[in-house]
Amino acid sequence: MAHQPAVSTAAHPSRHVTNPLQRFLAATELDTRLLGMVGALAIIWIGFHIFSGGLFLTPRNLWNLSVQTASVAVMVTGMVLIIVTRNIDLSVGSILGLVGMVMGVMQTDILPNQLGLGLGHPMIWVLSLAAGLIVGVGIGALQGVIIAYLKVPAFIVTLGGYLVWRGAAWWVTMGRTVAPMDVRFQLMGGGPAGSIGFFWSWVVAAIACVAILVGLYFGRKQRLRFNFPLRPIWAEISLGVIGCGLTIAAVWVANAYPWPRRIAENFAAANGIAIPEGGLFISHGIAIPVLIAVGVGVVMTFISMRTRFGRYVFAMGGNPEAAELAGINTRWVTVKIFMLMGGLCAIAAAISSARLNAATNALGTLDELYVIAAAVIGGTSLAGGVGTIAGALLGALVMQSLQSGMVLMGMDSPLQSIVVGIVLVFAVWLDTLYRRNKN
């Protein structure tokens, strides 16, 4: 029997690299494309901060930026799986608009009036969200069946959906805006009440840091178990420090943004709190929509990397014919991907309508552009088979940063669209170059 080498002597790629930076990247196994995006994001932030007169890198703007990114971030996690399988979904913005309108009508008319729950009933937001999820998943299933079983190209099906569902959203209320949303439902949109505050934000940070360290520990144990090369101890410590440091920095920024003065004063008066001479400082903390987006990102990462379904998705994207010959029910997997996308659109619709405290016919307009652009900028290849949830979430942040920065600089909306279009084409070109050099 051949002798198996001890794990402790297994060579790690970093030991053969002399350049310190390359050695660090090889030892920590950080994705260089992801690091490149982080560098690009840093340049964007610094540039906008300078040209906006110091308005961009402030707790207020960064907090608002995180909330504005949440709905697109939720949808882009599903778009990654769709593009990985060499499909596309042009209907996500229209689905968001229709589902948002359905949830709005459920809260303002159907549940309180026709079903007699009454305004303010604690179950209104739950039932409205459930109805939205059912509608979103149902639309995704319908489109998935047409694509997978009737063999109609995804581009055509979802282009038709883009028109159909936008028209259906108008038809639900004949163009009327639906408002206001249920008080509990509004919490999913952020704001002073829709944030978890100073103390619980630090609790979340502590839990996240523990999760990072535990994940590194068990990852190392798995490598040891299967005789894989181990990262150096200093590399494991570096990853822990980087992960925890970014988490702590994000929470510090969220806690540095206070409630508006008038809202803080009203809160103090209602609760008998004395207002200090310098004013009352109450931290927003992490916004609930941001927690929802992060939670969706974690779940979708687990689904894509740790489940049989996720392996099937990437196998289909890499080689659809081989995946089918291997026994994968590719048609059913395709349907499930679009069902998942519909459910994510429903969650994004809840965030968007709750943030606006209204369901309007303009809800979700052009969101399909931002979602697809975020996925591609995040490293998801339109050729299929390649993509990460983390990269897509970072791509969503890049897209929203561009939009937010251009608004702060006073750029007109048409010019903003021009910039976004150029960035999308540039990202696809970079992806083409990357794949050509890799091959």
Protein backbone atom coordinates (compact mmCIF):
# COMPACT_ATOMS: atom_id res chain seq x y z
CA MET A 1 0.00 0.00 0.00
CA ALA A 2 1.37 3.40 -0.94
CA HIS A 3 2.45 5.53 2.00
CA GLN A 4 0.21 8.57 2.61
CA PRO A 5 2.22 11.75 3.41
CA ALA A 6 1.46 13.47 6.71
CA VAL A 7 -0.76 16.51 6.47
CA SER A 8 1.65 18.69 8.37
CA THR A 9 4.21 18.29 5.59
CA ALA A 10 1.80 19.02 2.74
CA ALA A 11 3.08 21.86 0.60
CA HIS A 12 1.00 25.01 0.43
CA PRO A 13 1.28 27.16 -2.73
CA SER A 14 2.47 30.15 -0.69
CA ARG A 15 5.77 28.40 0.12
CA HIS A 16 6.92 28.65 -3.49
CA VAL A 17 6.19 32.38 -3.87
CA THR A 18 8.87 34.96 -3.05
CA ASN A 19 6.96 38.22 -3.55
CA PRO A 20 5.47 39.21 -0.13
CA LEU A 21 2.12 40.34 -1.57
CA GLN A 22 1.78 37.25 -3.76
CA ARG A 23 2.80 35.09 -0.81
CA PHE A 24 0.12 36.69 1.36
CA LEU A 25 -2.56 36.21 -1.33
CA ALA A 26 -1.52 32.62 -1.95
CA ALA A 27 -1.42 31.78 1.77
CA THR A 28 -4.78 33.36 2.60
CA GLU A 29 -6.33 32.10 -0.67
CA LEU A 30 -8.17 35.39 -1.14
CA ASP A 31 -9.90 35.84 -4.49
CA THR A 32 -7.84 38.35 -6.48
CA ARG A 33 -10.89 39.43 -8.53
CA LEU A 34 -12.76 40.15 -5.31
CA LEU A 35 -9.81 42.14 -3.99
CA GLY A 36 -9.71 44.07 -7.25
CA MET A 37 -13.36 45.00 -6.76
CA VAL A 38 -12.66 46.11 -3.20
CA GLY A 39 -9.87 48.32 -4.54
CA ALA A 40 -12.19 49.74 -7.21
CA LEU A 41 -14.87 50.40 -4.56
CA ALA A 42 -12.32 52.22 -2.40
CA ILE A 43 -11.31 54.41 -5.35
CA ILE A 44 -14.98 55.17 -6.11
CA TRP A 45 -15.69 56.12 -2.49
CA ILE A 46 -12.63 58.32 -2.13
CA GLY A 47 -13.24 59.98 -5.50
CA PHE A 48 -16.88 60.78 -4.73
CA HIS A 49 -15.92 62.00 -1.26
CA ILE A 50 -13.50 64.50 -2.77
CA PHE A 51 -15.76 65.69 -5.59
CA SER A 52 -18.87 65.90 -3.39
CA GLY A 53 -17.15 68.20 -0.94
CA GLY A 54 -16.71 65.63 1.80
CA LEU A 55 -20.31 64.36 1.83
CA PHE A 56 -19.84 60.75 0.70
CA LEU A 57 -17.75 59.11 3.44
CA THR A 58 -19.98 60.21 6.30
CA PRO A 59 -21.95 57.92 8.64
CA ARG A 60 -25.22 59.36 7.33
CA ASN A 61 -24.49 58.69 3.65
CA LEU A 62 -22.89 55.28 4.26
CA TRP A 63 -25.88 54.21 6.39
CA ASN A 64 -28.31 55.36 3.69
CA LEU A 65 -26.14 53.66 1.06
CA SER A 66 -26.42 50.33 2.89
CA VAL A 67 -30.22 50.62 3.06
CA GLN A 68 -30.50 51.60 -0.62
CA THR A 69 -28.37 48.61 -1.61
CA ALA A 70 -30.44 46.06 0.32
CA SER A 71 -33.18 45.30 -2.22
CA VAL A 72 -30.79 44.94 -5.18
CA ALA A 73 -28.44 42.88 -3.00
CA VAL A 74 -31.24 40.44 -2.19
CA MET A 75 -32.17 39.95 -5.86
CA VAL A 76 -28.62 39.70 -7.15
CA THR A 77 -28.00 36.55 -5.09
CA GLY A 78 -30.62 34.77 -7.19
CA MET A 79 -29.46 36.36 -10.44
CA VAL A 80 -26.04 34.77 -9.91
CA LEU A 81 -27.54 31.27 -10.09
CA ILE A 82 -29.60 32.19 -13.16
CA ILE A 83 -26.62 33.60 -15.07
CA VAL A 84 -24.39 30.72 -13.95
CA THR A 85 -26.79 28.35 -15.77
CA ARG A 86 -26.46 30.51 -18.91
CA ASN A 87 -29.93 32.02 -18.52
CA ILE A 88 -31.06 35.60 -17.83
CA ASP A 89 -34.01 37.21 -16.07
CA LEU A 90 -35.14 40.57 -17.40
CA SER A 91 -38.38 40.56 -15.41
CA VAL A 92 -37.10 40.96 -11.83
CA GLY A 93 -37.96 44.67 -11.60
CA SER A 94 -41.48 44.07 -12.91
CA ILE A 95 -42.01 41.13 -10.55
CA LEU A 96 -40.88 43.37 -7.69
CA GLY A 97 -43.38 46.03 -8.76
CA LEU A 98 -46.30 43.57 -9.04
CA VAL A 99 -45.53 41.82 -5.74
CA GLY A 100 -45.10 45.16 -3.98
CA MET A 101 -48.50 46.27 -5.26
CA VAL A 102 -50.11 42.97 -4.15
CA MET A 103 -48.65 43.31 -0.65
CA GLY A 104 -49.79 46.93 -0.49
CA VAL A 105 -53.37 46.06 -1.45
CA MET A 106 -53.35 43.18 1.04
CA GLN A 107 -52.40 45.58 3.87
CA THR A 108 -54.67 48.49 2.99
CA ASP A 109 -57.79 46.77 1.66
CA ILE A 110 -58.13 43.00 1.51
CA LEU A 111 -57.01 42.01 5.01
CA PRO A 112 -58.39 44.93 7.08
CA ASN A 113 -61.61 45.51 5.13
CA GLN A 114 -62.67 42.45 3.14
CA LEU A 115 -61.41 39.85 5.64
CA GLY A 116 -62.22 41.96 8.69
CA LEU A 117 -58.86 41.88 10.50
CA GLY A 118 -58.94 45.64 11.04
CA LEU A 119 -56.13 48.13 10.56
CA GLY A 120 -53.16 47.52 12.83
CA HIS A 121 -53.82 43.80 13.34
CA PRO A 122 -50.50 42.08 14.23
CA MET A 123 -50.97 39.42 11.53
CA ILE A 124 -51.44 41.84 8.64
CA TRP A 125 -47.75 42.18 7.83
CA VAL A 126 -47.17 38.42 8.12
CA LEU A 127 -50.05 37.51 5.82
CA SER A 128 -49.13 40.25 3.35
CA LEU A 129 -45.54 39.04 3.18
CA ALA A 130 -46.73 35.43 2.78
CA ALA A 131 -49.04 36.47 -0.07
CA GLY A 132 -46.15 38.31 -1.74
CA LEU A 133 -43.89 35.26 -1.47
CA ILE A 134 -46.58 33.01 -2.95
CA VAL A 135 -47.11 35.37 -5.90
CA GLY A 136 -43.35 35.79 -6.46
CA VAL A 137 -42.58 32.07 -6.31
CA GLY A 138 -45.61 31.32 -8.51
CA ILE A 139 -44.45 33.77 -11.19
CA GLY A 140 -40.95 32.29 -11.04
CA ALA A 141 -42.35 28.77 -11.38
CA LEU A 142 -44.44 29.77 -14.40
CA GLN A 143 -41.49 31.36 -16.18
CA GLY A 144 -39.23 28.45 -15.22
CA VAL A 145 -41.64 25.86 -16.63
CA ILE A 146 -41.93 27.74 -19.94
CA ILE A 147 -38.13 28.00 -20.16
CA ALA A 148 -37.29 24.45 -19.06
CA TYR A 149 -40.13 22.37 -20.47
CA LEU A 150 -41.41 24.38 -23.44
CA LYS A 151 -37.82 25.25 -24.46
CA VAL A 152 -38.53 28.96 -24.96
CA PRO A 153 -35.29 30.98 -24.45
CA ALA A 154 -35.06 32.68 -21.05
CA PHE A 155 -34.35 36.01 -22.74
CA ILE A 156 -37.70 35.93 -24.56
CA VAL A 157 -39.72 34.57 -21.63
CA THR A 158 -38.43 37.13 -19.14
CA LEU A 159 -38.62 39.95 -21.68
CA GLY A 160 -42.28 39.08 -22.04
CA GLY A 161 -42.52 38.93 -18.24
CA TYR A 162 -40.95 42.37 -18.05
CA LEU A 163 -43.93 43.72 -19.99
CA VAL A 164 -46.66 41.47 -18.59
CA TRP A 165 -45.92 41.87 -14.88
CA ARG A 166 -45.43 45.63 -15.17
CA GLY A 167 -48.82 45.88 -16.81
CA ALA A 168 -50.33 43.57 -14.19
CA ALA A 169 -48.99 45.81 -11.42
CA TRP A 170 -50.85 48.74 -12.96
CA TRP A 171 -54.01 46.66 -13.37
CA VAL A 172 -54.13 45.69 -9.66
CA THR A 173 -55.02 49.26 -8.63
CA MET A 174 -55.62 50.91 -12.01
CA GLY A 175 -52.53 53.04 -11.50
CA ARG A 176 -53.28 54.26 -7.99
CA THR A 177 -50.54 54.52 -5.37
CA VAL A 178 -51.23 52.35 -2.33
CA ALA A 179 -50.26 53.82 1.07
CA PRO A 180 -49.56 53.77 3.94
CA MET A 181 -48.08 50.39 4.80
CA ASP A 182 -48.68 48.54 8.06
CA VAL A 183 -46.60 49.94 10.94
CA ARG A 184 -44.84 46.63 11.57
CA PHE A 185 -44.29 46.09 7.86
CA GLN A 186 -42.56 49.48 7.64
CA LEU A 187 -39.78 48.22 9.91
CA MET A 188 -38.37 46.21 6.98
CA GLY A 189 -37.59 49.50 5.23
CA GLY A 190 -35.18 50.92 7.80
CA GLY A 191 -35.44 54.36 9.39
CA PRO A 192 -35.07 55.14 13.11
CA ALA A 193 -37.67 52.52 14.09
CA GLY A 194 -36.44 50.02 11.49
CA SER A 195 -32.96 49.75 13.01
CA ILE A 196 -31.74 47.66 15.92
CA GLY A 197 -29.89 50.37 17.84
CA PHE A 198 -26.48 50.71 19.47
CA PHE A 199 -26.44 47.72 21.84
CA TRP A 200 -27.94 45.09 19.54
CA SER A 201 -25.68 46.20 16.69
CA TRP A 202 -22.65 45.34 18.79
CA VAL A 203 -24.28 42.04 19.74
CA VAL A 204 -24.65 41.25 16.03
CA ALA A 205 -21.01 42.24 15.49
CA ALA A 206 -19.89 39.90 18.29
CA ILE A 207 -21.94 37.03 16.85
CA ALA A 208 -20.52 37.68 13.37
CA CYS A 209 -16.94 37.71 14.66
CA VAL A 210 -17.49 34.46 16.56
CA ALA A 211 -19.01 32.92 13.42
CA ILE A 212 -15.97 33.98 11.37
CA LEU A 213 -13.53 32.47 13.86
CA VAL A 214 -15.55 29.27 14.25
CA GLY A 215 -15.81 28.97 10.45
CA LEU A 216 -12.01 29.27 10.11
CA TYR A 217 -11.48 26.68 12.86
CA PHE A 218 -13.82 24.08 11.39
CA GLY A 219 -12.53 24.80 7.90
CA ARG A 220 -9.05 23.94 9.10
CA LYS A 221 -10.35 20.75 10.74
CA GLN A 222 -11.99 19.71 7.47
CA ARG A 223 -8.74 20.27 5.58
CA LEU A 224 -6.95 18.15 8.17
CA ARG A 225 -9.57 15.43 7.91
CA PHE A 226 -9.30 15.10 4.13
CA ASN A 227 -5.50 15.58 3.94
CA PHE A 228 -5.74 18.92 2.14
CA PRO A 229 -2.87 21.44 2.40
CA LEU A 230 -3.29 23.67 5.43
CA ARG A 231 -3.02 27.45 5.39
CA PRO A 232 -0.22 28.79 7.62
CA ILE A 233 -1.36 29.81 11.08
CA TRP A 234 -0.47 33.44 10.37
CA ALA A 235 -2.73 33.34 7.31
CA GLU A 236 -5.65 32.00 9.37
CA ILE A 237 -5.09 34.75 11.94
CA SER A 238 -4.92 37.37 9.18
CA LEU A 239 -8.24 36.22 7.74
CA GLY A 240 -9.83 36.38 11.19
CA VAL A 241 -8.46 39.86 11.83
CA ILE A 242 -9.61 41.13 8.41
CA GLY A 243 -13.10 39.67 8.75
CA CYS A 244 -13.64 40.88 12.31
CA GLY A 245 -12.08 44.25 11.54
CA LEU A 246 -14.44 44.90 8.62
CA THR A 247 -17.42 43.82 10.74
CA ILE A 248 -16.47 46.11 13.62
CA ALA A 249 -15.84 49.03 11.24
CA ALA A 250 -19.26 48.59 9.60
CA VAL A 251 -21.05 48.51 12.96
CA TRP A 252 -19.09 51.53 14.20
CA VAL A 253 -20.25 53.52 11.16
CA ALA A 254 -23.87 52.40 11.67
CA ASN A 255 -23.75 53.44 15.33
CA ALA A 256 -22.17 56.80 14.48
CA TYR A 257 -25.30 57.92 12.61
CA PRO A 258 -27.81 59.42 15.09
CA TRP A 259 -31.58 59.78 14.88
CA PRO A 260 -32.81 63.12 13.48
CA ARG A 261 -33.02 65.76 16.23
CA ARG A 262 -36.81 66.16 16.12
CA ILE A 263 -37.47 62.41 16.25
CA ALA A 264 -35.02 62.03 19.15
CA GLU A 265 -36.71 64.86 21.05
CA ASN A 266 -40.17 63.35 20.53
CA PHE A 267 -38.88 60.00 21.73
CA ALA A 268 -37.36 61.61 24.82
CA ALA A 269 -40.60 63.46 25.60
CA ALA A 270 -42.68 60.29 25.22
CA ASN A 271 -40.39 58.29 27.50
CA GLY A 272 -39.58 60.97 30.09
CA ILE A 273 -35.91 61.22 29.13
CA ALA A 274 -34.06 64.43 29.95
CA ILE A 275 -32.41 66.01 26.91
CA PRO A 276 -28.73 66.94 27.54
CA GLU A 277 -27.47 70.40 26.71
CA GLY A 278 -25.73 69.22 23.54
CA GLY A 279 -28.78 67.30 22.34
CA LEU A 280 -29.83 63.68 22.60
CA PHE A 281 -27.67 61.21 20.63
CA ILE A 282 -29.49 57.97 19.76
CA SER A 283 -27.71 55.66 17.33
CA HIS A 284 -29.55 54.11 14.43
CA GLY A 285 -27.40 51.02 14.50
CA ILE A 286 -27.74 48.41 11.76
CA ALA A 287 -30.85 48.80 9.62
CA ILE A 288 -33.22 45.83 9.44
CA PRO A 289 -33.15 45.70 5.60
CA VAL A 290 -29.36 45.40 5.76
CA LEU A 291 -29.70 42.47 8.18
CA ILE A 292 -32.19 40.87 5.79
CA ALA A 293 -29.79 41.31 2.85
CA VAL A 294 -26.84 39.90 4.80
CA GLY A 295 -28.97 36.98 6.00
CA VAL A 296 -30.10 36.23 2.43
CA GLY A 297 -26.47 36.43 1.30
CA VAL A 298 -25.35 33.91 3.94
CA VAL A 299 -28.20 31.49 3.12
CA MET A 300 -27.63 31.77 -0.63
CA THR A 301 -23.89 31.23 -0.19
CA PHE A 302 -24.64 28.06 1.77
CA ILE A 303 -27.12 26.90 -0.89
CA SER A 304 -24.71 27.54 -3.75
CA MET A 305 -21.62 26.03 -2.11
CA ARG A 306 -22.80 23.41 0.38
CA THR A 307 -25.88 21.76 -1.13
CA ARG A 308 -26.52 19.26 -3.91
CA PHE A 309 -28.75 21.82 -5.62
CA GLY A 310 -25.88 24.33 -5.72
CA ARG A 311 -23.50 21.75 -7.20
CA TYR A 312 -26.09 20.91 -9.85
CA VAL A 313 -26.43 24.60 -10.76
CA PHE A 314 -22.71 25.05 -11.36
CA ALA A 315 -22.44 21.71 -13.15
CA MET A 316 -25.20 22.81 -15.54
CA GLY A 317 -23.45 26.11 -16.14
CA GLY A 318 -20.11 24.48 -16.82
CA ASN A 319 -21.43 21.87 -19.25
CA PRO A 320 -25.22 21.43 -19.62
CA GLU A 321 -24.95 18.35 -21.82
CA ALA A 322 -22.58 16.54 -19.46
CA ALA A 323 -24.77 17.48 -16.48
CA GLU A 324 -27.81 15.92 -18.15
CA LEU A 325 -25.87 12.79 -19.09
CA ALA A 326 -24.72 12.54 -15.46
CA GLY A 327 -28.35 12.14 -14.40
CA ILE A 328 -29.12 15.69 -13.26
CA ASN A 329 -32.73 16.71 -13.90
CA THR A 330 -31.67 19.97 -15.50
CA ARG A 331 -35.21 21.06 -16.33
CA TRP A 332 -36.43 20.76 -12.74
CA VAL A 333 -33.30 22.53 -11.46
CA THR A 334 -34.01 25.39 -13.88
CA VAL A 335 -37.58 25.69 -12.58
CA LYS A 336 -36.33 25.77 -8.98
CA ILE A 337 -33.82 28.51 -9.82
CA PHE A 338 -36.55 30.76 -11.23
CA MET A 339 -38.86 29.95 -8.29
CA LEU A 340 -36.06 31.00 -5.95
CA MET A 341 -35.58 34.19 -7.96
CA GLY A 342 -39.30 34.97 -7.64
CA GLY A 343 -39.16 34.52 -3.86
CA LEU A 344 -36.15 36.82 -3.63
CA CYS A 345 -38.01 39.44 -5.69
CA ALA A 346 -40.82 39.25 -3.13
CA ILE A 347 -38.38 39.89 -0.26
CA ALA A 348 -36.88 42.82 -2.20
CA ALA A 349 -40.40 44.15 -2.86
CA ALA A 350 -41.13 44.11 0.87
CA ILE A 351 -37.94 46.08 1.56
CA SER A 352 -38.58 48.63 -1.21
CA SER A 353 -42.27 49.26 -0.44
CA ALA A 354 -41.60 49.40 3.31
CA ARG A 355 -38.83 51.96 2.77
CA LEU A 356 -41.12 54.14 0.64
CA ASN A 357 -44.13 53.41 2.88
CA ALA A 358 -46.07 53.03 -0.36
CA ALA A 359 -46.54 50.75 -3.35
CA THR A 360 -46.31 52.73 -6.58
CA ASN A 361 -46.36 51.81 -10.26
CA ALA A 362 -42.76 52.97 -10.53
CA LEU A 363 -41.57 50.46 -7.91
CA GLY A 364 -38.72 48.35 -9.29
CA THR A 365 -38.31 50.34 -12.51
CA LEU A 366 -34.88 49.59 -14.07
CA ASP A 367 -33.99 47.29 -11.16
CA GLU A 368 -33.34 44.50 -13.67
CA LEU A 369 -30.53 46.63 -15.12
CA TYR A 370 -28.91 47.17 -11.73
CA VAL A 371 -29.30 43.53 -10.68
CA ILE A 372 -27.75 42.12 -13.86
CA ALA A 373 -25.00 44.74 -13.82
CA ALA A 374 -24.22 43.98 -10.16
CA ALA A 375 -23.95 40.26 -10.89
CA VAL A 376 -21.65 40.79 -13.88
CA ILE A 377 -19.51 43.38 -12.10
CA GLY A 378 -19.26 40.93 -9.20
CA GLY A 379 -17.57 38.35 -11.41
CA THR A 380 -20.50 36.25 -12.63
CA SER A 381 -19.66 35.18 -16.18
CA LEU A 382 -22.34 35.51 -18.85
CA ALA A 383 -20.77 32.41 -20.44
CA GLY A 384 -22.01 30.43 -17.43
CA GLY A 385 -20.41 28.23 -14.80
CA VAL A 386 -18.66 31.00 -12.83
CA GLY A 387 -19.99 33.29 -10.11
CA THR A 388 -19.99 33.94 -6.38
CA ILE A 389 -22.61 35.37 -4.06
CA ALA A 390 -20.04 37.48 -2.19
CA GLY A 391 -18.81 39.02 -5.45
CA ALA A 392 -22.37 39.80 -6.53
CA LEU A 393 -23.15 41.50 -3.21
CA LEU A 394 -20.02 43.59 -3.61
CA GLY A 395 -21.12 44.37 -7.17
CA ALA A 396 -24.47 45.59 -5.84
CA LEU A 397 -22.63 47.89 -3.45
CA VAL A 398 -20.49 49.21 -6.31
CA MET A 399 -23.56 49.95 -8.44
CA GLN A 400 -25.39 51.71 -5.64
CA SER A 401 -22.25 53.65 -4.71
CA LEU A 402 -22.03 54.97 -8.26
CA GLN A 403 -25.66 56.04 -8.20
CA SER A 404 -25.43 57.61 -4.73
CA GLY A 405 -22.22 59.45 -5.58
CA MET A 406 -23.65 60.85 -8.79
CA VAL A 407 -26.73 62.10 -6.92
CA LEU A 408 -24.51 63.84 -4.35
CA MET A 409 -22.61 65.50 -7.18
CA GLY A 410 -25.88 66.73 -8.71
CA MET A 411 -25.59 64.77 -11.96
CA ASP A 412 -28.77 64.55 -14.06
CA SER A 413 -30.63 61.23 -14.25
CA PRO A 414 -29.92 60.67 -18.00
CA LEU A 415 -26.19 61.10 -17.35
CA GLN A 416 -26.41 58.60 -14.49
CA SER A 417 -27.92 56.05 -16.88
CA ILE A 418 -25.11 56.68 -19.36
CA VAL A 419 -22.48 56.03 -16.68
CA VAL A 420 -24.19 52.83 -15.50
CA GLY A 421 -24.41 51.55 -19.09
CA ILE A 422 -20.72 52.26 -19.70
CA VAL A 423 -19.76 50.52 -16.46
CA LEU A 424 -21.79 47.43 -17.43
CA VAL A 425 -20.15 47.16 -20.86
CA PHE A 426 -16.73 47.70 -19.28
CA ALA A 427 -17.37 44.95 -16.71
CA VAL A 428 -18.35 42.44 -19.42
CA TRP A 429 -15.23 43.37 -21.39
CA LEU A 430 -13.06 42.76 -18.31
CA ASP A 431 -14.78 39.41 -17.78
CA THR A 432 -13.99 38.47 -21.38
CA LEU A 433 -10.33 39.40 -20.93
CA TYR A 434 -10.14 37.49 -17.65
CA ARG A 435 -11.55 34.29 -19.16
CA ARG A 436 -9.30 34.61 -22.25
CA ASN A 437 -6.15 35.02 -20.13
CA LYS A 438 -7.21 32.20 -17.80
CA ASN A 439 -7.58 29.83 -20.73
